[in-house]
Amino acid sequence: MGEADAYRYLQVLKEADGTTLLILTNLCVSKEARDAMVNYGAAAGAKMAWDRLAELLAEA
């Protein structure tokens, strides 16, 4: 199994009452793949990106 096969990404947009909810799900095919993603720092990087997006939206 190649590295690209170790993960699946699901993105869902739901619109209701004039707002849009974005749901992102990362699915790992194994504990090892999950551990590799966590050890790479993916969660910390994603948090930084979402925090920055929240700042930009607050300014809009």
PDB file of N, CA and C in Angstrom:
ATOM      1  N   MET A   1       0.844  -1.173   0.000  1.00  0.00           N
ATOM      2  CA  MET A   1       0.000   0.000   0.000  1.00  0.00           C
ATOM      3  C   MET A   1       0.890   1.237   0.000  1.00  0.00           C
ATOM      4  N   GLY A   2       0.643   2.148  -0.918  1.00  0.00           N
ATOM      5  CA  GLY A   2       1.411   3.380  -0.978  1.00  0.00           C
ATOM      6  C   GLY A   2       0.915   4.395   0.020  1.00  0.00           C
ATOM      7  N   GLU A   3       1.716   5.444   0.222  1.00  0.00           N
ATOM      8  CA  GLU A   3       1.347   6.485   1.190  1.00  0.00           C
ATOM      9  C   GLU A   3       0.003   7.123   0.846  1.00  0.00           C
ATOM     10  N   ALA A   4      -0.264   7.330  -0.428  1.00  0.00           N
ATOM     11  CA  ALA A   4      -1.528   7.948  -0.841  1.00  0.00           C
ATOM     12  C   ALA A   4      -2.727   7.072  -0.493  1.00  0.00           C
ATOM     13  N   ASP A   5      -2.520   5.773  -0.373  1.00  0.00           N
ATOM     14  CA  ASP A   5      -3.604   4.851  -0.035  1.00  0.00           C
ATOM     15  C   ASP A   5      -3.870   4.771   1.467  1.00  0.00           C
ATOM     16  N   ALA A   6      -3.009   5.372   2.278  1.00  0.00           N
ATOM     17  CA  ALA A   6      -3.116   5.255   3.722  1.00  0.00           C
ATOM     18  C   ALA A   6      -4.178   6.172   4.315  1.00  0.00           C
ATOM     19  N   TYR A   7      -4.640   7.156   3.538  1.00  0.00           N
ATOM     20  CA  TYR A   7      -5.580   8.149   4.053  1.00  0.00           C
ATOM     21  C   TYR A   7      -6.741   8.353   3.095  1.00  0.00           C
ATOM     22  N   ARG A   8      -7.880   8.701   3.667  1.00  0.00           N
ATOM     23  CA  ARG A   8      -9.039   9.111   2.883  1.00  0.00           C
ATOM     24  C   ARG A   8      -9.536  10.407   3.506  1.00  0.00           C
ATOM     25  N   TYR A   9      -9.915  11.335   2.673  1.00  0.00           N
ATOM     26  CA  TYR A   9     -10.378  12.632   3.151  1.00  0.00           C
ATOM     27  C   TYR A   9     -11.815  12.840   2.696  1.00  0.00           C
ATOM     28  N   LEU A  10     -12.659  13.234   3.623  1.00  0.00           N
ATOM     29  CA  LEU A  10     -14.060  13.484   3.323  1.00  0.00           C
ATOM     30  C   LEU A  10     -14.371  14.935   3.649  1.00  0.00           C
ATOM     31  N   GLN A  11     -14.956  15.629   2.692  1.00  0.00           N
ATOM     32  CA  GLN A  11     -15.352  17.022   2.887  1.00  0.00           C
ATOM     33  C   GLN A  11     -16.847  17.133   2.606  1.00  0.00           C
ATOM     34  N   VAL A  12     -17.572  17.695   3.560  1.00  0.00           N
ATOM     35  CA  VAL A  12     -19.016  17.869   3.416  1.00  0.00           C
ATOM     36  C   VAL A  12     -19.355  19.320   3.719  1.00  0.00           C
ATOM     37  N   LEU A  13     -20.149  19.933   2.857  1.00  0.00           N
ATOM     38  CA  LEU A  13     -20.670  21.275   3.095  1.00  0.00           C
ATOM     39  C   LEU A  13     -22.166  21.164   3.315  1.00  0.00           C
ATOM     40  N   LYS A  14     -22.645  21.755   4.422  1.00  0.00           N
ATOM     41  CA  LYS A  14     -24.074  21.760   4.719  1.00  0.00           C
ATOM     42  C   LYS A  14     -24.512  23.212   4.866  1.00  0.00           C
ATOM     43  N   GLU A  15     -25.546  23.582   4.137  1.00  0.00           N
ATOM     44  CA  GLU A  15     -26.073  24.939   4.221  1.00  0.00           C
ATOM     45  C   GLU A  15     -27.419  24.916   4.924  1.00  0.00           C
ATOM     46  N   ALA A  16     -27.587  25.845   5.870  1.00  0.00           N
ATOM     47  CA  ALA A  16     -28.852  25.969   6.588  1.00  0.00           C
ATOM     48  C   ALA A  16     -28.922  27.350   7.230  1.00  0.00           C
ATOM     49  N   ASP A  17     -30.068  27.964   7.118  1.00  0.00           N
ATOM     50  CA  ASP A  17     -30.319  29.251   7.775  1.00  0.00           C
ATOM     51  C   ASP A  17     -29.262  30.304   7.439  1.00  0.00           C
ATOM     52  N   GLY A  18     -28.831  30.340   6.219  1.00  0.00           N
ATOM     53  CA  GLY A  18     -27.889  31.365   5.784  1.00  0.00           C
ATOM     54  C   GLY A  18     -26.446  31.144   6.199  1.00  0.00           C
ATOM     55  N   THR A  19     -26.125  29.990   6.734  1.00  0.00           N
ATOM     56  CA  THR A  19     -24.741  29.693   7.098  1.00  0.00           C
ATOM     57  C   THR A  19     -24.306  28.393   6.425  1.00  0.00           C
ATOM     58  N   THR A  20     -23.018  28.217   6.345  1.00  0.00           N
ATOM     59  CA  THR A  20     -22.469  27.000   5.764  1.00  0.00           C
ATOM     60  C   THR A  20     -21.574  26.327   6.789  1.00  0.00           C
ATOM     61  N   LEU A  21     -21.805  25.055   7.001  1.00  0.00           N
ATOM     62  CA  LEU A  21     -20.995  24.250   7.901  1.00  0.00           C
ATOM     63  C   LEU A  21     -20.082  23.370   7.057  1.00  0.00           C
ATOM     64  N   LEU A  22     -18.788  23.420   7.341  1.00  0.00           N
ATOM     65  CA  LEU A  22     -17.804  22.587   6.658  1.00  0.00           C
ATOM     66  C   LEU A  22     -17.373  21.488   7.619  1.00  0.00           C
ATOM     67  N   ILE A  23     -17.533  20.252   7.187  1.00  0.00           N
ATOM     68  CA  ILE A  23     -17.116  19.102   7.993  1.00  0.00           C
ATOM     69  C   ILE A  23     -15.992  18.401   7.236  1.00  0.00           C
ATOM     70  N   LEU A  24     -14.830  18.310   7.865  1.00  0.00           N
ATOM     71  CA  LEU A  24     -13.675  17.623   7.280  1.00  0.00           C
ATOM     72  C   LEU A  24     -13.361  16.401   8.129  1.00  0.00           C
ATOM     73  N   THR A  25     -13.186  15.274   7.478  1.00  0.00           N
ATOM     74  CA  THR A  25     -12.853  14.042   8.177  1.00  0.00           C
ATOM     75  C   THR A  25     -11.646  13.405   7.510  1.00  0.00           C
ATOM     76  N   ASN A  26     -10.643  13.074   8.309  1.00  0.00           N
ATOM     77  CA  ASN A  26      -9.482  12.331   7.837  1.00  0.00           C
ATOM     78  C   ASN A  26      -9.624  10.901   8.330  1.00  0.00           C
ATOM     79  N   LEU A  27      -9.654   9.964   7.418  1.00  0.00           N
ATOM     80  CA  LEU A  27      -9.752   8.555   7.772  1.00  0.00           C
ATOM     81  C   LEU A  27      -8.421   7.882   7.481  1.00  0.00           C
ATOM     82  N   CYS A  28      -7.877   7.233   8.474  1.00  0.00           N
ATOM     83  CA  CYS A  28      -6.612   6.514   8.318  1.00  0.00           C
ATOM     84  C   CYS A  28      -6.907   5.028   8.261  1.00  0.00           C
ATOM     85  N   VAL A  29      -6.231   4.337   7.367  1.00  0.00           N
ATOM     86  CA  VAL A  29      -6.505   2.912   7.189  1.00  0.00           C
ATOM     87  C   VAL A  29      -5.872   2.044   8.264  1.00  0.00           C
ATOM     88  N   SER A  30      -4.996   2.630   9.068  1.00  0.00           N
ATOM     89  CA  SER A  30      -4.354   1.851  10.125  1.00  0.00           C
ATOM     90  C   SER A  30      -3.913   2.780  11.250  1.00  0.00           C
ATOM     91  N   LYS A  31      -3.625   2.184  12.380  1.00  0.00           N
ATOM     92  CA  LYS A  31      -3.097   2.948  13.505  1.00  0.00           C
ATOM     93  C   LYS A  31      -1.752   3.568  13.139  1.00  0.00           C
ATOM     94  N   GLU A  32      -0.958   2.841  12.386  1.00  0.00           N
ATOM     95  CA  GLU A  32       0.353   3.345  11.986  1.00  0.00           C
ATOM     96  C   GLU A  32       0.219   4.592  11.105  1.00  0.00           C
ATOM     97  N   ALA A  33      -0.757   4.561  10.191  1.00  0.00           N
ATOM     98  CA  ALA A  33      -0.985   5.728   9.330  1.00  0.00           C
ATOM     99  C   ALA A  33      -1.450   6.910  10.158  1.00  0.00           C
ATOM    100  N   ARG A  34      -2.334   6.648  11.129  1.00  0.00           N
ATOM    101  CA  ARG A  34      -2.801   7.716  12.021  1.00  0.00           C
ATOM    102  C   ARG A  34      -1.642   8.294  12.826  1.00  0.00           C
ATOM    103  N   ASP A  35      -0.812   7.431  13.382  1.00  0.00           N
ATOM    104  CA  ASP A  35       0.330   7.881  14.171  1.00  0.00           C
ATOM    105  C   ASP A  35       1.290   8.718  13.325  1.00  0.00           C
ATOM    106  N   ALA A  36       1.490   8.309  12.074  1.00  0.00           N
ATOM    107  CA  ALA A  36       2.372   9.068  11.186  1.00  0.00           C
ATOM    108  C   ALA A  36       1.817  10.460  10.932  1.00  0.00           C
ATOM    109  N   MET A  37       0.501  10.562  10.746  1.00  0.00           N
ATOM    110  CA  MET A  37      -0.116  11.862  10.510  1.00  0.00           C
ATOM    111  C   MET A  37       0.016  12.739  11.755  1.00  0.00           C
ATOM    112  N   VAL A  38      -0.234  12.177  12.923  1.00  0.00           N
ATOM    113  CA  VAL A  38      -0.131  12.940  14.168  1.00  0.00           C
ATOM    114  C   VAL A  38       1.312  13.363  14.413  1.00  0.00           C
ATOM    115  N   ASN A  39       2.256  12.454  14.241  1.00  0.00           N
ATOM    116  CA  ASN A  39       3.662  12.768  14.488  1.00  0.00           C
ATOM    117  C   ASN A  39       4.211  13.788  13.503  1.00  0.00           C
ATOM    118  N   TYR A  40       3.623  13.847  12.327  1.00  0.00           N
ATOM    119  CA  TYR A  40       4.038  14.824  11.318  1.00  0.00           C
ATOM    120  C   TYR A  40       3.648  16.240  11.741  1.00  0.00           C
ATOM    121  N   GLY A  41       2.669  16.361  12.620  1.00  0.00           N
ATOM    122  CA  GLY A  41       2.228  17.663  13.076  1.00  0.00           C
ATOM    123  C   GLY A  41       0.996  18.166  12.354  1.00  0.00           C
ATOM    124  N   ALA A  42       0.274  17.271  11.731  1.00  0.00           N
ATOM    125  CA  ALA A  42      -0.892  17.673  10.944  1.00  0.00           C
ATOM    126  C   ALA A  42      -1.934  18.377  11.805  1.00  0.00           C
ATOM    127  N   ALA A  43      -2.175  17.899  13.004  1.00  0.00           N
ATOM    128  CA  ALA A  43      -3.203  18.503  13.856  1.00  0.00           C
ATOM    129  C   ALA A  43      -2.820  19.927  14.239  1.00  0.00           C
ATOM    130  N   ALA A  44      -1.573  20.136  14.600  1.00  0.00           N
ATOM    131  CA  ALA A  44      -1.126  21.475  14.982  1.00  0.00           C
ATOM    132  C   ALA A  44      -1.182  22.426  13.789  1.00  0.00           C
ATOM    133  N   GLY A  45      -0.785  21.954  12.637  1.00  0.00           N
ATOM    134  CA  GLY A  45      -0.840  22.786  11.433  1.00  0.00           C
ATOM    135  C   GLY A  45      -2.263  23.137  11.044  1.00  0.00           C
ATOM    136  N   ALA A  46      -3.161  22.170  11.170  1.00  0.00           N
ATOM    137  CA  ALA A  46      -4.564  22.432  10.851  1.00  0.00           C
ATOM    138  C   ALA A  46      -5.155  23.440  11.820  1.00  0.00           C
ATOM    139  N   LYS A  47      -4.823  23.327  13.098  1.00  0.00           N
ATOM    140  CA  LYS A  47      -5.336  24.284  14.085  1.00  0.00           C
ATOM    141  C   LYS A  47      -4.871  25.694  13.763  1.00  0.00           C
ATOM    142  N   MET A  48      -3.623  25.839  13.396  1.00  0.00           N
ATOM    143  CA  MET A  48      -3.109  27.162  13.028  1.00  0.00           C
ATOM    144  C   MET A  48      -3.871  27.723  11.830  1.00  0.00           C
ATOM    145  N   ALA A  49      -4.131  26.887  10.835  1.00  0.00           N
ATOM    146  CA  ALA A  49      -4.847  27.335   9.637  1.00  0.00           C
ATOM    147  C   ALA A  49      -6.278  27.738   9.972  1.00  0.00           C
ATOM    148  N   TRP A  50      -6.964  26.948  10.807  1.00  0.00           N
ATOM    149  CA  TRP A  50      -8.343  27.278  11.182  1.00  0.00           C
ATOM    150  C   TRP A  50      -8.400  28.534  12.042  1.00  0.00           C
ATOM    151  N   ASP A  51      -7.434  28.708  12.931  1.00  0.00           N
ATOM    152  CA  ASP A  51      -7.387  29.922  13.745  1.00  0.00           C
ATOM    153  C   ASP A  51      -7.205  31.151  12.866  1.00  0.00           C
ATOM    154  N   ARG A  52      -6.345  31.049  11.892  1.00  0.00           N
ATOM    155  CA  ARG A  52      -6.115  32.172  10.987  1.00  0.00           C
ATOM    156  C   ARG A  52      -7.371  32.463  10.156  1.00  0.00           C
ATOM    157  N   LEU A  53      -8.043  31.430   9.688  1.00  0.00           N
ATOM    158  CA  LEU A  53      -9.276  31.623   8.932  1.00  0.00           C
ATOM    159  C   LEU A  53     -10.320  32.331   9.795  1.00  0.00           C
ATOM    160  N   ALA A  54     -10.428  31.935  11.061  1.00  0.00           N
ATOM    161  CA  ALA A  54     -11.382  32.584  11.966  1.00  0.00           C
ATOM    162  C   ALA A  54     -11.047  34.064  12.129  1.00  0.00           C
ATOM    163  N   GLU A  55      -9.769  34.405  12.204  1.00  0.00           N
ATOM    164  CA  GLU A  55      -9.364  35.813  12.288  1.00  0.00           C
ATOM    165  C   GLU A  55      -9.780  36.578  11.045  1.00  0.00           C
ATOM    166  N   LEU A  56      -9.542  35.993   9.895  1.00  0.00           N
ATOM    167  CA  LEU A  56      -9.894  36.657   8.639  1.00  0.00           C
ATOM    168  C   LEU A  56     -11.406  36.855   8.508  1.00  0.00           C
ATOM    169  N   LEU A  57     -12.162  35.847   8.913  1.00  0.00           N
ATOM    170  CA  LEU A  57     -13.624  35.965   8.824  1.00  0.00           C
ATOM    171  C   LEU A  57     -14.145  37.002   9.812  1.00  0.00           C
ATOM    172  N   ALA A  58     -13.517  37.125  10.962  1.00  0.00           N
ATOM    173  CA  ALA A  58     -13.938  38.111  11.944  1.00  0.00           C
ATOM    174  C   ALA A  58     -13.695  39.530  11.436  1.00  0.00           C
ATOM    175  N   GLU A  59     -12.680  39.700  10.595  1.00  0.00           N
ATOM    176  CA  GLU A  59     -12.368  41.013  10.017  1.00  0.00           C
ATOM    177  C   GLU A  59     -13.298  41.385   8.877  1.00  0.00           C
ATOM    178  N   ALA A  60     -13.937  40.404   8.277  1.00  0.00           N
ATOM    179  CA  ALA A  60     -14.769  40.642   7.088  1.00  0.00           C
ATOM    180  C   ALA A  60     -16.080  41.324   7.429  1.00  0.00           C
TER     181      ALA A  60
END
